[in-house]
Protein backbone atom coordinates (compact mmCIF):
# COMPACT_ATOMS: atom_id res chain seq x y z
CA MET A 1 -1.14 -21.60 13.32
CA THR A 2 -0.96 -19.92 9.65
CA SER A 3 1.62 -17.65 8.66
CA ASP A 4 -0.42 -14.35 9.18
CA GLN A 5 -1.23 -15.21 12.25
CA LYS A 6 2.50 -15.33 13.07
CA GLN A 7 3.06 -12.09 11.54
CA ALA A 8 0.10 -10.50 13.21
CA ASN A 9 1.96 -11.49 16.75
CA SER A 10 4.34 -8.52 16.21
CA HIS A 11 3.32 -5.19 17.64
CA TYR A 12 4.84 -1.67 18.03
CA ASN A 13 4.36 0.78 20.68
CA VAL A 14 5.39 3.95 19.51
CA ASP A 15 5.83 7.33 21.67
CA LEU A 16 5.92 10.15 18.87
CA HIS A 17 6.57 13.78 18.41
CA ILE A 18 6.19 15.15 15.20
CA LEU A 19 7.76 18.61 14.21
CA PRO A 20 6.73 20.33 11.03
CA GLU A 21 8.42 23.47 11.02
CA LYS A 22 11.41 21.87 11.89
CA GLY A 23 10.73 18.88 9.52
CA SER A 24 11.55 16.47 12.03
CA LEU A 25 10.53 13.70 14.42
CA GLN A 26 11.25 12.66 17.65
CA ALA A 27 10.82 8.32 18.79
CA LYS A 28 10.90 5.90 21.24
CA VAL A 29 9.80 2.30 19.66
CA GLU A 30 8.82 -0.55 21.71
CA LEU A 31 8.82 -3.39 19.05
CA PHE A 32 7.27 -7.11 20.17
CA TYR A 33 8.69 -9.04 17.47
CA SER A 34 7.88 -12.75 16.57
CA VAL A 35 10.60 -14.06 14.55
CA LEU A 36 9.09 -16.06 11.74
CA GLU A 37 12.22 -18.05 10.49
CA LYS A 38 14.60 -20.12 12.17
CA PRO A 39 16.26 -18.76 15.07
CA ASN A 40 18.75 -15.83 14.16
CA CYS A 41 21.25 -13.64 16.01
CA TYR A 42 21.45 -10.97 13.08
CA LEU A 43 18.26 -9.13 11.99
CA GLU A 44 18.16 -6.16 9.86
CA PHE A 45 15.75 -3.23 9.97
CA TYR A 46 15.46 -0.12 7.56
CA LEU A 47 15.23 3.45 9.10
CA HIS A 48 15.27 6.64 7.39
CA LYS A 49 19.30 7.64 7.41
CA GLY A 50 18.14 11.59 9.13
CA MET A 51 17.74 9.55 12.03
CA ARG A 52 20.27 9.54 14.92
CA ILE A 53 20.19 6.50 17.08
CA ARG A 54 20.47 7.43 20.98
CA THR A 55 19.69 3.54 22.29
CA VAL A 56 18.82 0.14 21.32
CA ASN A 57 18.37 -2.50 23.82
CA GLY A 58 15.86 -5.16 24.20
CA ASN A 59 15.18 -8.44 26.34
CA VAL A 60 18.45 -10.69 24.83
CA PRO A 61 21.98 -8.37 25.16
CA LEU A 62 22.90 -7.03 21.65
CA ASN A 63 24.89 -4.88 19.47
CA TYR A 64 23.86 -2.85 16.37
CA ARG A 65 25.59 -0.47 13.72
CA PHE A 66 23.32 2.04 11.69
CA ASP A 67 26.01 3.24 9.01
CA VAL A 68 24.92 1.38 5.62
CA ASP A 69 22.98 1.93 2.76
CA HIS A 70 21.02 -0.94 0.73
CA PRO A 71 19.85 -2.00 -2.38
CA PHE A 72 16.00 -2.19 -1.84
CA SER A 73 14.43 -0.11 -4.23
CA PHE A 74 11.00 0.83 -2.07
CA THR A 75 13.05 2.38 0.66
CA PRO A 76 15.22 4.64 -0.75
CA GLY A 77 17.20 7.29 1.73
CA SER A 78 17.01 4.59 4.22
CA HIS A 79 19.93 2.98 5.89
CA ILE A 80 20.36 -0.73 7.80
CA LEU A 81 20.05 -1.13 11.12
CA GLY A 82 21.62 -3.79 11.95
CA ILE A 83 21.19 -5.56 14.67
CA GLU A 84 23.42 -8.59 16.42
CA LEU A 85 21.98 -10.81 19.45
CA LYS A 86 24.62 -11.73 21.91
CA ARG A 87 22.70 -15.02 22.36
CA PRO A 88 20.14 -17.03 20.15
CA LEU A 89 16.39 -16.74 21.04
CA GLU A 90 14.63 -19.90 22.52
CA GLU A 91 12.38 -21.67 20.79
CA ASN A 92 9.09 -19.83 21.08
CA GLU A 93 10.58 -16.76 22.90
CA LEU A 94 9.44 -13.25 21.51
CA LEU A 95 11.96 -10.85 21.13
CA ARG A 96 11.44 -7.27 22.47
CA LEU A 97 13.32 -4.50 20.88
CA ASN A 98 13.42 -0.65 22.13
CA PHE A 99 14.30 2.13 20.02
CA GLU A 100 14.99 5.75 20.61
CA TYR A 101 16.19 7.77 18.19
CA GLY A 102 15.33 11.26 16.41
CA GLY A 103 16.55 13.43 13.46
CA ASN A 104 15.15 15.37 10.19
CA ILE A 105 13.39 13.96 7.17
CA GLY A 106 11.77 16.83 5.32
CA LEU A 107 10.80 15.98 1.47
CA THR A 108 12.39 12.54 0.93
CA THR A 109 13.60 11.22 -2.70
CA PHE A 110 10.20 10.01 -3.89
CA GLU A 111 8.52 12.93 -2.51
CA VAL A 112 5.97 10.66 -1.06
CA ASN A 113 6.79 10.95 2.62
CA ARG A 114 7.61 13.87 4.35
CA ILE A 115 7.34 16.44 7.38
CA THR A 116 7.45 20.17 6.29
CA PRO A 117 4.64 22.79 7.45
CA SER A 118 2.26 22.38 5.15
CA TRP A 119 1.78 18.68 4.97
CA VAL A 120 3.16 15.54 7.18
CA GLU A 121 2.99 11.86 4.92
CA LEU A 122 5.18 9.10 7.29
CA GLY A 123 5.16 5.61 6.50
CA LEU A 124 7.58 2.74 5.09
CA TYR A 125 8.66 4.04 1.73
CA SER A 126 11.11 6.29 4.05
CA PRO A 127 10.93 4.44 7.14
CA TRP A 128 10.10 6.37 10.41
CA PHE A 129 9.73 3.48 11.86
CA PRO A 130 12.25 0.18 12.15
CA TRP A 131 10.92 -1.81 9.57
CA GLN A 132 11.86 -5.10 7.56
CA PRO A 133 9.60 -6.80 4.97
CA ASN A 134 9.98 -10.21 6.82
CA LEU A 135 8.59 -9.02 9.54
CA GLY A 136 4.95 -9.12 7.28
CA GLN A 137 1.93 -7.59 8.80
CA PHE A 138 1.48 -6.38 12.57
CA SER A 139 -0.11 -4.66 14.88
CA TYR A 140 0.41 -1.11 16.44
CA ASP A 141 -0.67 1.69 19.05
CA VAL A 142 1.28 5.50 18.19
CA ARG A 143 0.98 8.11 20.44
CA LEU A 144 1.84 11.19 18.97
CA GLN A 145 2.20 14.54 19.71
CA ILE A 146 1.70 17.56 17.55
CA ASP A 147 1.00 21.46 17.33
CA PRO A 148 -2.52 21.88 18.20
CA SER A 149 -3.56 23.33 15.21
CA TYR A 150 -3.00 20.03 13.14
CA GLU A 151 -5.53 17.45 12.47
CA VAL A 152 -4.37 13.93 11.95
CA VAL A 153 -5.63 11.18 9.76
CA GLY A 154 -4.10 7.74 10.00
CA LEU A 155 -3.72 4.08 8.96
CA GLY A 156 -6.31 2.50 11.63
CA LYS A 157 -8.70 4.28 14.30
CA VAL A 158 -7.22 7.46 15.86
CA ASP A 159 -8.63 9.54 18.49
CA ARG A 160 -7.93 12.97 19.51
CA LEU A 161 -6.97 12.62 23.31
CA ASP A 162 -6.55 16.48 24.01
CA LYS A 163 -5.20 19.16 22.17
CA GLY A 164 -1.83 18.07 20.12
CA LEU A 165 -2.26 14.79 21.46
CA TRP A 166 -3.61 11.78 19.17
CA HIS A 167 -3.74 8.13 19.59
CA ILE A 168 -3.33 6.10 16.13
CA SER A 169 -3.89 2.18 16.80
CA GLN A 170 -4.59 -1.09 14.78
CA SER A 171 -5.39 -4.00 15.95
CA GLN A 172 -5.94 -5.19 12.20
CA PRO A 173 -2.51 -6.90 10.66
CA SER A 174 -1.13 -4.24 8.55
CA MET A 175 2.45 -4.33 6.60
CA ASP A 176 2.76 -0.50 7.14
CA MET A 177 2.19 2.54 9.78
CA ILE A 178 1.03 5.64 8.70
CA ILE A 179 0.22 9.26 9.66
CA MET A 180 -0.58 12.12 8.13
CA ALA A 181 -1.27 15.74 9.75
CA SER A 182 -2.15 19.44 7.85
CA ASN A 183 -3.65 22.57 9.66
CA ARG A 184 -6.07 22.50 6.60
CA PHE A 185 -7.84 19.25 6.13
CA GLN A 186 -11.08 19.03 4.78
CA ARG A 187 -13.55 16.02 4.46
CA GLN A 188 -16.73 14.66 2.93
CA ARG A 189 -18.50 11.47 3.85
CA ALA A 190 -20.79 8.97 2.55
CA VAL A 191 -21.84 4.91 2.84
CA VAL A 192 -22.07 2.75 -0.40
CA ASP A 193 -23.40 -0.85 0.81
CA GLY A 194 -23.06 -0.06 4.15
CA LEU A 195 -19.42 0.91 3.77
CA THR A 196 -18.72 4.17 5.22
CA VAL A 197 -16.02 6.16 3.22
CA GLU A 198 -14.42 9.19 4.16
CA LEU A 199 -12.39 11.43 1.87
CA SER A 200 -9.57 13.54 3.15
CA TYR A 201 -8.03 16.41 0.85
CA VAL A 202 -6.36 19.40 1.51
CA ASP A 203 -5.81 22.25 -1.16
CA GLU A 204 -8.37 20.75 -3.80
CA THR A 205 -11.21 22.71 -5.72
CA ASP A 206 -14.17 21.71 -3.80
CA TRP A 207 -16.26 21.00 -6.96
CA VAL A 208 -13.30 18.73 -8.27
CA ALA A 209 -13.16 17.08 -4.77
CA GLN A 210 -16.96 16.35 -4.51
CA ASP A 211 -16.63 15.06 -8.46
CA ILE A 212 -13.94 12.58 -7.90
CA PHE A 213 -15.40 11.31 -4.77
CA GLU A 214 -18.69 10.62 -6.42
CA LYS A 215 -16.98 8.74 -9.08
CA ALA A 216 -14.84 6.90 -6.19
CA LEU A 217 -18.36 6.14 -4.79
CA GLU A 218 -19.71 4.64 -7.68
CA THR A 219 -16.12 2.66 -8.55
CA LEU A 220 -16.63 1.08 -4.78
CA ARG A 221 -20.10 0.00 -5.32
CA CYS A 222 -18.67 -1.69 -8.71
CA TYR A 223 -15.89 -3.67 -6.87
CA ILE A 224 -17.84 -4.43 -4.59
CA GLU A 225 -20.74 -6.06 -6.77
CA TRP A 226 -18.13 -7.96 -8.82
CA PHE A 227 -15.56 -8.96 -5.60
CA GLY A 228 -17.27 -9.02 -2.90
CA PRO A 229 -17.11 -7.23 0.10
CA ILE A 230 -14.10 -6.17 1.55
CA CYS A 231 -13.08 -6.65 5.62
CA GLY A 232 -14.29 -3.92 8.02
CA ASN A 233 -16.74 -1.39 7.36
CA GLU A 234 -14.93 1.75 6.44
CA VAL A 235 -12.39 3.07 4.03
CA LYS A 236 -10.45 6.24 4.19
CA ILE A 237 -9.74 8.20 0.82
CA ILE A 238 -7.06 10.90 1.09
CA ILE A 239 -6.08 13.69 -1.83
CA ALA A 240 -2.35 14.35 -1.10
CA PRO A 241 -1.17 17.85 -1.33
CA ARG A 242 1.58 16.44 -3.55
CA SER A 243 2.18 15.79 -7.75
CA GLU A 244 5.00 13.62 -7.35
CA GLY A 245 5.23 10.23 -5.72
CA GLY A 246 2.38 8.64 -7.03
CA GLY A 247 -0.74 7.24 -4.52
CA TYR A 248 -0.81 3.59 -2.89
CA ALA A 249 -2.96 1.42 -0.77
CA ARG A 250 -3.03 -0.14 2.50
CA THR A 251 -5.75 -2.07 4.54
CA ALA A 252 -8.81 -0.17 3.86
CA PHE A 253 -6.75 3.18 2.94
CA VAL A 254 -6.57 4.84 -0.27
CA VAL A 255 -3.69 7.46 -1.05
CA VAL A 256 -3.89 10.01 -4.72
CA THR A 257 -2.27 12.62 -5.68
CA HIS A 258 -3.14 16.45 -6.29
CA ILE A 259 -5.21 16.71 -8.81
CA GLU A 260 -5.49 19.99 -10.91
CA ALA A 261 -8.81 21.66 -11.78
CA GLU A 262 -7.38 23.35 -14.70
CA SER A 263 -7.12 19.90 -16.20
CA TYR A 264 -9.93 18.12 -14.46
CA ASN A 265 -12.05 17.75 -17.38
CA LYS A 266 -10.00 17.09 -20.08
CA TYR A 267 -8.12 14.10 -18.06
CA LYS A 268 -11.20 13.15 -15.87
CA ILE A 269 -10.93 9.09 -17.16
CA ARG A 270 -6.85 9.32 -16.27
CA TYR A 271 -7.91 11.14 -13.13
CA LEU A 272 -10.47 8.29 -12.17
CA MET A 273 -8.30 5.31 -13.37
CA ASN A 274 -5.70 6.86 -10.80
CA ILE A 275 -8.20 6.69 -7.75
CA ALA A 276 -9.66 3.04 -9.11
CA HIS A 277 -6.33 1.91 -9.36
CA GLU A 278 -5.64 2.46 -5.64
CA CYS A 279 -9.55 1.30 -4.61
CA ALA A 280 -8.99 -2.22 -6.17
CA HIS A 281 -6.26 -2.87 -4.33
CA LEU A 282 -8.43 -3.20 -1.00
CA TRP A 283 -8.89 -6.40 -3.36
CA TRP A 284 -5.65 -7.04 -4.88
CA THR A 285 -2.90 -7.25 -2.58
CA ASN A 286 -2.62 -10.93 -1.48
CA ALA A 287 0.60 -11.89 -3.79
CA PRO A 288 4.24 -10.81 -2.69
CA PHE A 289 5.30 -7.18 -4.12
CA ASN A 290 8.63 -7.73 -4.49
CA SER A 291 8.72 -10.04 -7.17
CA TRP A 292 6.92 -10.65 -10.76
CA GLU A 293 4.24 -12.53 -8.76
CA ASP A 294 2.92 -8.50 -7.99
CA TRP A 295 1.40 -8.81 -11.51
CA LEU A 296 -1.94 -10.12 -8.95
CA ASN A 297 -1.72 -7.25 -7.42
CA GLU A 298 -0.53 -4.83 -9.93
CA SER A 299 -2.51 -5.71 -13.28
CA PHE A 300 -5.32 -6.85 -11.65
CA ALA A 301 -5.83 -3.35 -9.72
CA GLU A 302 -5.09 -1.76 -13.25
CA TYR A 303 -7.36 -3.93 -14.92
CA SER A 304 -9.98 -3.54 -12.28
CA SER A 305 -9.86 0.20 -12.83
CA LEU A 306 -10.15 -0.10 -16.38
CA MET A 307 -13.55 -2.14 -16.02
CA ALA A 308 -14.62 0.66 -14.04
CA VAL A 309 -13.48 2.99 -17.05
CA ARG A 310 -15.95 0.59 -19.11
CA GLU A 311 -18.99 1.16 -16.70
CA LEU A 312 -18.25 4.59 -15.70
CA PHE A 313 -17.51 6.33 -19.36
CA GLY A 314 -18.32 3.51 -21.55
CA MET A 315 -16.87 0.97 -24.16
CA GLU A 316 -15.66 3.23 -26.44
CA SER A 317 -13.28 5.15 -23.93
CA PHE A 318 -12.15 1.58 -22.49
CA GLN A 319 -11.64 0.30 -26.49
CA ASN A 320 -8.80 3.48 -26.42
CA ILE A 321 -7.11 2.98 -23.28
CA ILE A 322 -6.85 -1.26 -24.01
CA ALA A 323 -5.25 0.52 -27.69
CA GLU A 324 -2.47 2.24 -25.78
CA LYS A 325 -1.40 -0.23 -23.70
CA HIS A 326 -1.28 -2.60 -27.12
CA LYS A 327 1.74 -0.20 -28.23
CA ARG A 328 3.01 0.43 -24.98
CA SER A 329 3.56 -3.46 -24.63
CA GLU A 330 5.10 -4.10 -28.04
CA GLY A 331 8.37 -5.68 -27.38
CA MET A 332 8.25 -5.73 -23.82
CA PRO A 333 9.55 -9.05 -21.82
CA PRO A 334 7.33 -11.76 -20.67
CA ILE A 335 5.44 -10.95 -17.20
CA LYS A 336 7.02 -14.49 -15.33
CA GLY A 337 10.00 -13.76 -14.34
CA ILE A 338 10.50 -10.26 -14.90
CA LYS A 339 12.40 -8.48 -12.09
CA ARG A 340 10.11 -5.58 -9.54
CA ASP A 341 12.95 -3.16 -10.16
CA ASP A 342 13.52 -3.94 -14.08
CA GLU A 343 12.98 -0.54 -15.75
CA LYS A 344 10.56 -2.38 -18.07
CA ALA A 345 8.52 -3.95 -14.58
CA PHE A 346 6.03 -0.99 -14.89
CA THR A 347 4.99 -1.50 -18.55
CA VAL A 348 5.07 -4.89 -17.73
CA LEU A 349 2.74 -5.05 -15.03
CA TYR A 350 0.67 -2.21 -15.80
CA ASP A 351 0.09 -2.55 -19.30
CA LYS A 352 0.96 -6.26 -20.53
CA GLY A 353 -0.54 -7.58 -17.69
CA CYS A 354 -4.17 -6.03 -18.42
CA LEU A 355 -3.90 -7.14 -21.88
CA VAL A 356 -3.19 -11.19 -20.15
CA LEU A 357 -6.43 -10.28 -18.35
CA TYR A 358 -8.23 -8.54 -20.97
CA GLY A 359 -7.35 -11.63 -23.49
CA LEU A 360 -8.91 -13.80 -20.09
CA GLU A 361 -12.11 -12.26 -20.24
CA GLN A 362 -12.22 -12.35 -24.01
CA MET A 363 -11.79 -16.17 -23.43
CA VAL A 364 -14.14 -17.06 -21.00
CA GLY A 365 -16.46 -14.22 -21.10
CA LYS A 366 -17.79 -11.10 -18.89
CA GLU A 367 -20.14 -13.26 -16.38
CA THR A 368 -17.80 -16.24 -16.13
CA PHE A 369 -14.39 -13.47 -15.64
CA LEU A 370 -16.57 -11.77 -12.97
CA LYS A 371 -16.63 -15.42 -11.17
CA LEU A 372 -13.23 -15.97 -11.32
CA LEU A 373 -11.92 -12.68 -9.78
CA LYS A 374 -14.36 -12.94 -6.97
CA GLN A 375 -13.23 -16.54 -6.31
CA THR A 376 -9.50 -15.15 -6.60
CA THR A 377 -10.44 -12.31 -4.06
CA VAL A 378 -12.36 -15.06 -1.47
CA GLN A 379 -10.00 -17.84 -1.83
CA LYS A 380 -6.95 -14.92 -1.34
CA VAL A 381 -4.82 -16.26 -3.74
CA SER A 382 -1.46 -15.14 -3.36
CA SER A 383 0.43 -17.16 -6.44
CA THR A 384 0.18 -17.65 -10.06
CA GLU A 385 0.00 -21.24 -9.74
CA GLU A 386 -2.61 -20.64 -7.46
CA PHE A 387 -4.65 -18.71 -9.95
CA LEU A 388 -3.88 -21.43 -12.75
CA GLN A 389 -5.43 -23.70 -10.27
CA LEU A 390 -8.30 -21.47 -10.10
CA VAL A 391 -8.85 -21.40 -13.89
CA THR A 392 -8.44 -25.00 -14.60
CA ARG A 393 -11.05 -26.16 -12.05
CA GLU A 394 -13.58 -23.20 -13.10
CA VAL A 395 -13.12 -23.02 -16.91
CA GLY A 396 -11.14 -26.09 -17.72
CA SER A 397 -7.03 -26.61 -18.29
CA GLU A 398 -7.27 -25.69 -21.71
CA VAL A 399 -8.08 -22.08 -20.78
CA ALA A 400 -5.25 -21.97 -18.18
CA VAL A 401 -2.63 -23.57 -20.85
CA GLN A 402 -3.42 -20.58 -23.01
CA LEU A 403 -2.88 -18.15 -20.05
CA ASP A 404 0.13 -19.40 -18.88
CA GLN A 405 1.27 -18.99 -22.43
CA MET A 406 0.43 -15.83 -22.22
CA LEU A 407 2.26 -14.96 -19.16
CA THR A 408 5.49 -16.66 -20.63
CA SER A 409 5.33 -14.82 -23.58
């Protein structure tokens, strides 16, 4: 059994009631947890600190504590929910945990996740469900109750069961459980090379939404040609009605921030890069995200967005962005070994990492570079060591040595 198969054995069943006017939620969660490490009597989950826990129990007697802040940078505003099992799990025993809690999330620190009357966006950045990084990927079924005037978009399959009652299911393993809701959704749909793409947005100017959607479709068409098809036949793109917090991507699910109509034409390339970067994560997401190896996700996604700029807007625009990244990268530390929470990590991964890939493309040529990228996605390369081995096999050890030097300088 592979590690991915083990991770997929974890499953959430959730009864969720969202109250947008109050900025709050009530939840009952059942987690079937496949413990990946050796039997352990102590587990830690992250949960938003605004939650008030009513009960935690399971198929093993336990004690719990929920009042400790933590240093995990991706989930500010959450507390550690520590669970101590009164006996160790037996070999191959599946742990079942039941949680009941509720509370206010409102507008969170990153301004990404929120429950407000105008917009609901829930996910792991302010974990509304008990989450921990070591859980890996999981499946879930969520039964959601919300004001009937709201429509729901989610990561996975979304079905309206009745007025104000929804079912969100994810059978394909994922690292997040995302739910969005609004009473003002607008939608567009199109098909690209057999891939159905749905755009959902709130409070965007129609002509801007139409234009950026067309650019996103052109970008996806290029990515499919360059990197190969993605798993599944549908992608959801959401333009969230917020300016802060940035975008993100999950399995067949892309989120970007509000686009200002007044500045759209002036900054069209920047807006394209934002959506192209997140769309690229449909391919570039196999490496760990909490270490320097994240360059295999972020640098590759960022350079993919530059390739899209080159394709849609021409070489001059591409070279101008490369020049800007050169300036920002001056004096930056090496990619290899940088801590993910280092204040310079963003520049190193998004700018310096792009320059490394640009250098690699210059060394081997565009055609060979694209072959390398496609093989990287096909083989689900998840470490720099694997990528260097791939480069050695495809273009020789001399290029791999130069690439390694760029990563360490």
